[in-house]
Amino acid sequence: HEHWTLNIAEIENFLRAIHGAYPAPARELAGPAFYYDKTFFERSADDLMGEGLNMMEYPQSDARMVPASQRFFQLVKEGLIVHDGDPVLARHIANVVPHEREKGWRISKPRGSKRHIDAAVAVAVASHEATRTEPDEPTPTPSLYV
């Protein structure tokens, strides 16, 4: 994305601030879970994990993103998830298209598009992980923030 830059230090400090906002008993339970895709954040995640943050790798594979996308859509359809009108999130959601895969569909952007959908992906992951109930999957503790 030629005109889009990401300030990694700003993100790291933001995650530290969220982690620090949890009371000591919550931090003893690992505090909030922070999901990330290692493609661009692996070094930062390693550093933050060393500082005690609960960093959870979340590859954007079909195995992860198909259920996350479908759960997000279900929550929206049922009126169980809303947002505060943030224009960036609204724009990213508007940029999303369904992409049919072997085991269902996932959120994507049109082929060749340079439009961003990162916030939509983050909400799909967050809503899926926050509402997941399957006992055989690892469960983060005790809360989620994306």
Protein backbone atom coordinates (compact mmCIF):
# COMPACT_ATOMS: atom_id res chain seq x y z
CA HIS A 1 0.00 0.00 0.00
CA GLU A 2 2.03 2.90 -1.31
CA HIS A 3 0.64 5.71 0.86
CA TRP A 4 -0.23 3.78 3.97
CA THR A 5 2.25 3.50 6.83
CA LEU A 6 1.95 1.90 10.21
CA ASN A 7 3.68 3.21 13.30
CA ILE A 8 4.69 -0.03 15.05
CA ALA A 9 5.98 1.76 18.18
CA GLU A 10 2.61 3.48 18.55
CA ILE A 11 0.81 0.13 18.35
CA GLU A 12 3.21 -1.48 20.84
CA ASN A 13 2.66 1.38 23.31
CA PHE A 14 -1.11 1.19 22.83
CA LEU A 15 -1.08 -2.54 23.66
CA ARG A 16 1.11 -1.87 26.72
CA ALA A 17 -1.37 0.75 27.91
CA ILE A 18 -4.31 -1.64 27.56
CA HIS A 19 -2.38 -4.35 29.39
CA GLY A 20 -1.46 -1.91 32.15
CA ALA A 21 -5.09 -0.85 32.58
CA TYR A 22 -6.06 -4.29 33.85
CA PRO A 23 -5.91 -4.78 37.61
CA ALA A 24 -3.16 -7.01 39.00
CA PRO A 25 -5.39 -10.12 39.44
CA ALA A 26 -6.34 -10.01 35.74
CA ARG A 27 -2.69 -9.65 34.74
CA GLU A 28 -1.85 -12.73 36.78
CA LEU A 29 -4.28 -14.59 34.50
CA ALA A 30 -2.40 -13.28 31.44
CA GLY A 31 -4.59 -10.20 31.03
CA PRO A 32 -6.31 -9.45 27.75
CA ALA A 33 -5.42 -11.54 24.72
CA PHE A 34 -3.90 -9.64 21.81
CA TYR A 35 -4.29 -11.44 18.47
CA TYR A 36 -1.82 -10.75 15.69
CA ASP A 37 -0.71 -12.03 12.32
CA LYS A 38 3.01 -12.72 12.49
CA THR A 39 3.59 -11.53 8.93
CA PHE A 40 4.28 -7.96 10.03
CA PHE A 41 4.24 -8.15 13.82
CA GLU A 42 6.27 -11.18 14.92
CA ARG A 43 9.25 -9.28 16.38
CA SER A 44 6.96 -6.89 18.25
CA ALA A 45 4.83 -9.77 19.53
CA ASP A 46 7.93 -11.56 20.82
CA ASP A 47 9.07 -8.42 22.64
CA LEU A 48 5.61 -7.76 24.11
CA MET A 49 5.27 -11.38 25.19
CA GLY A 50 8.59 -11.00 27.00
CA GLU A 51 7.03 -8.05 28.84
CA GLY A 52 4.14 -10.25 29.99
CA LEU A 53 1.48 -9.42 27.42
CA ASN A 54 -0.75 -12.29 26.28
CA MET A 55 0.12 -12.33 22.58
CA MET A 56 -1.83 -14.89 20.54
CA GLU A 57 -0.71 -15.66 16.99
CA TYR A 58 -3.69 -15.68 14.62
CA PRO A 59 -2.69 -16.61 11.05
CA GLN A 60 -5.13 -15.33 8.45
CA SER A 61 -5.58 -18.80 6.99
CA ASP A 62 -8.92 -20.11 5.73
CA ALA A 63 -9.07 -22.43 8.75
CA ARG A 64 -9.17 -19.36 10.99
CA MET A 65 -10.78 -16.71 8.81
CA VAL A 66 -13.74 -18.70 7.42
CA PRO A 67 -15.25 -19.31 10.88
CA ALA A 68 -14.32 -15.80 12.05
CA SER A 69 -15.93 -14.19 8.98
CA GLN A 70 -19.09 -16.25 9.24
CA ARG A 71 -19.45 -15.63 12.99
CA PHE A 72 -18.99 -11.89 12.48
CA PHE A 73 -21.70 -11.87 9.79
CA GLN A 74 -24.02 -13.86 12.07
CA LEU A 75 -23.53 -11.40 14.93
CA VAL A 76 -24.21 -8.43 12.63
CA LYS A 77 -27.32 -10.11 11.18
CA GLU A 78 -28.67 -10.84 14.66
CA GLY A 79 -27.97 -7.29 15.83
CA LEU A 80 -25.59 -8.54 18.51
CA ILE A 81 -22.65 -6.43 17.40
CA VAL A 82 -22.58 -2.75 16.55
CA HIS A 83 -19.88 -0.12 16.25
CA ASP A 84 -19.62 3.50 17.28
CA GLY A 85 -19.61 4.89 13.76
CA ASP A 86 -15.85 5.18 13.45
CA PRO A 87 -15.30 6.26 9.82
CA VAL A 88 -12.20 4.07 9.32
CA LEU A 89 -14.03 0.96 10.51
CA ALA A 90 -17.08 1.85 8.41
CA ARG A 91 -14.89 2.31 5.32
CA HIS A 92 -13.04 -0.97 5.90
CA ILE A 93 -16.33 -2.84 6.39
CA ALA A 94 -17.69 -1.27 3.18
CA ASN A 95 -14.59 -2.50 1.32
CA VAL A 96 -15.24 -6.15 2.25
CA VAL A 97 -16.56 -8.73 -0.19
CA PRO A 98 -17.27 -12.42 0.49
CA HIS A 99 -14.73 -14.80 -0.99
CA GLU A 100 -15.97 -18.36 -1.45
CA ARG A 101 -13.51 -20.98 -0.23
CA GLU A 102 -13.57 -24.76 -0.02
CA LYS A 103 -15.11 -24.84 3.49
CA GLY A 104 -17.23 -21.69 3.33
CA TRP A 105 -16.62 -18.02 2.69
CA ARG A 106 -14.40 -15.41 4.27
CA ILE A 107 -14.14 -11.66 4.17
CA SER A 108 -11.78 -10.36 1.53
CA LYS A 109 -11.33 -7.41 -0.77
CA PRO A 110 -11.92 -7.45 -4.51
CA ARG A 111 -9.03 -8.97 -6.44
CA GLY A 112 -6.48 -6.29 -7.28
CA SER A 113 -8.03 -3.75 -4.91
CA LYS A 114 -5.78 -1.50 -2.84
CA ARG A 115 -8.60 -0.67 -0.45
CA HIS A 116 -8.02 -1.54 3.18
CA ILE A 117 -10.02 -4.10 5.15
CA ASP A 118 -7.68 -4.47 8.15
CA ALA A 119 -10.19 -3.09 10.67
CA ALA A 120 -12.87 -5.44 9.34
CA VAL A 121 -10.53 -8.40 9.72
CA ALA A 122 -9.70 -7.31 13.27
CA VAL A 123 -13.39 -7.09 14.19
CA ALA A 124 -14.10 -10.50 12.65
CA VAL A 125 -11.26 -12.07 14.64
CA ALA A 126 -12.25 -10.27 17.86
CA SER A 127 -15.94 -11.14 17.60
CA HIS A 128 -15.18 -14.77 16.79
CA GLU A 129 -12.71 -15.21 19.64
CA ALA A 130 -14.87 -13.32 22.15
CA THR A 131 -17.88 -15.55 21.44
CA ARG A 132 -16.16 -18.88 20.82
CA THR A 133 -17.44 -21.71 23.01
CA GLU A 134 -15.82 -24.83 21.53
CA PRO A 135 -14.02 -26.55 24.44
CA ASP A 136 -11.41 -28.30 22.29
CA GLU A 137 -9.89 -25.03 21.09
CA PRO A 138 -7.41 -23.10 23.24
CA THR A 139 -9.13 -20.22 25.00
CA PRO A 140 -7.40 -16.94 25.80
CA THR A 141 -7.89 -15.36 29.18
CA PRO A 142 -9.70 -13.34 30.35
CA SER A 143 -10.79 -10.80 27.69
CA LEU A 144 -10.20 -9.58 24.17
CA TYR A 145 -9.33 -6.22 22.64
CA VAL A 146 -8.62 -5.54 18.98
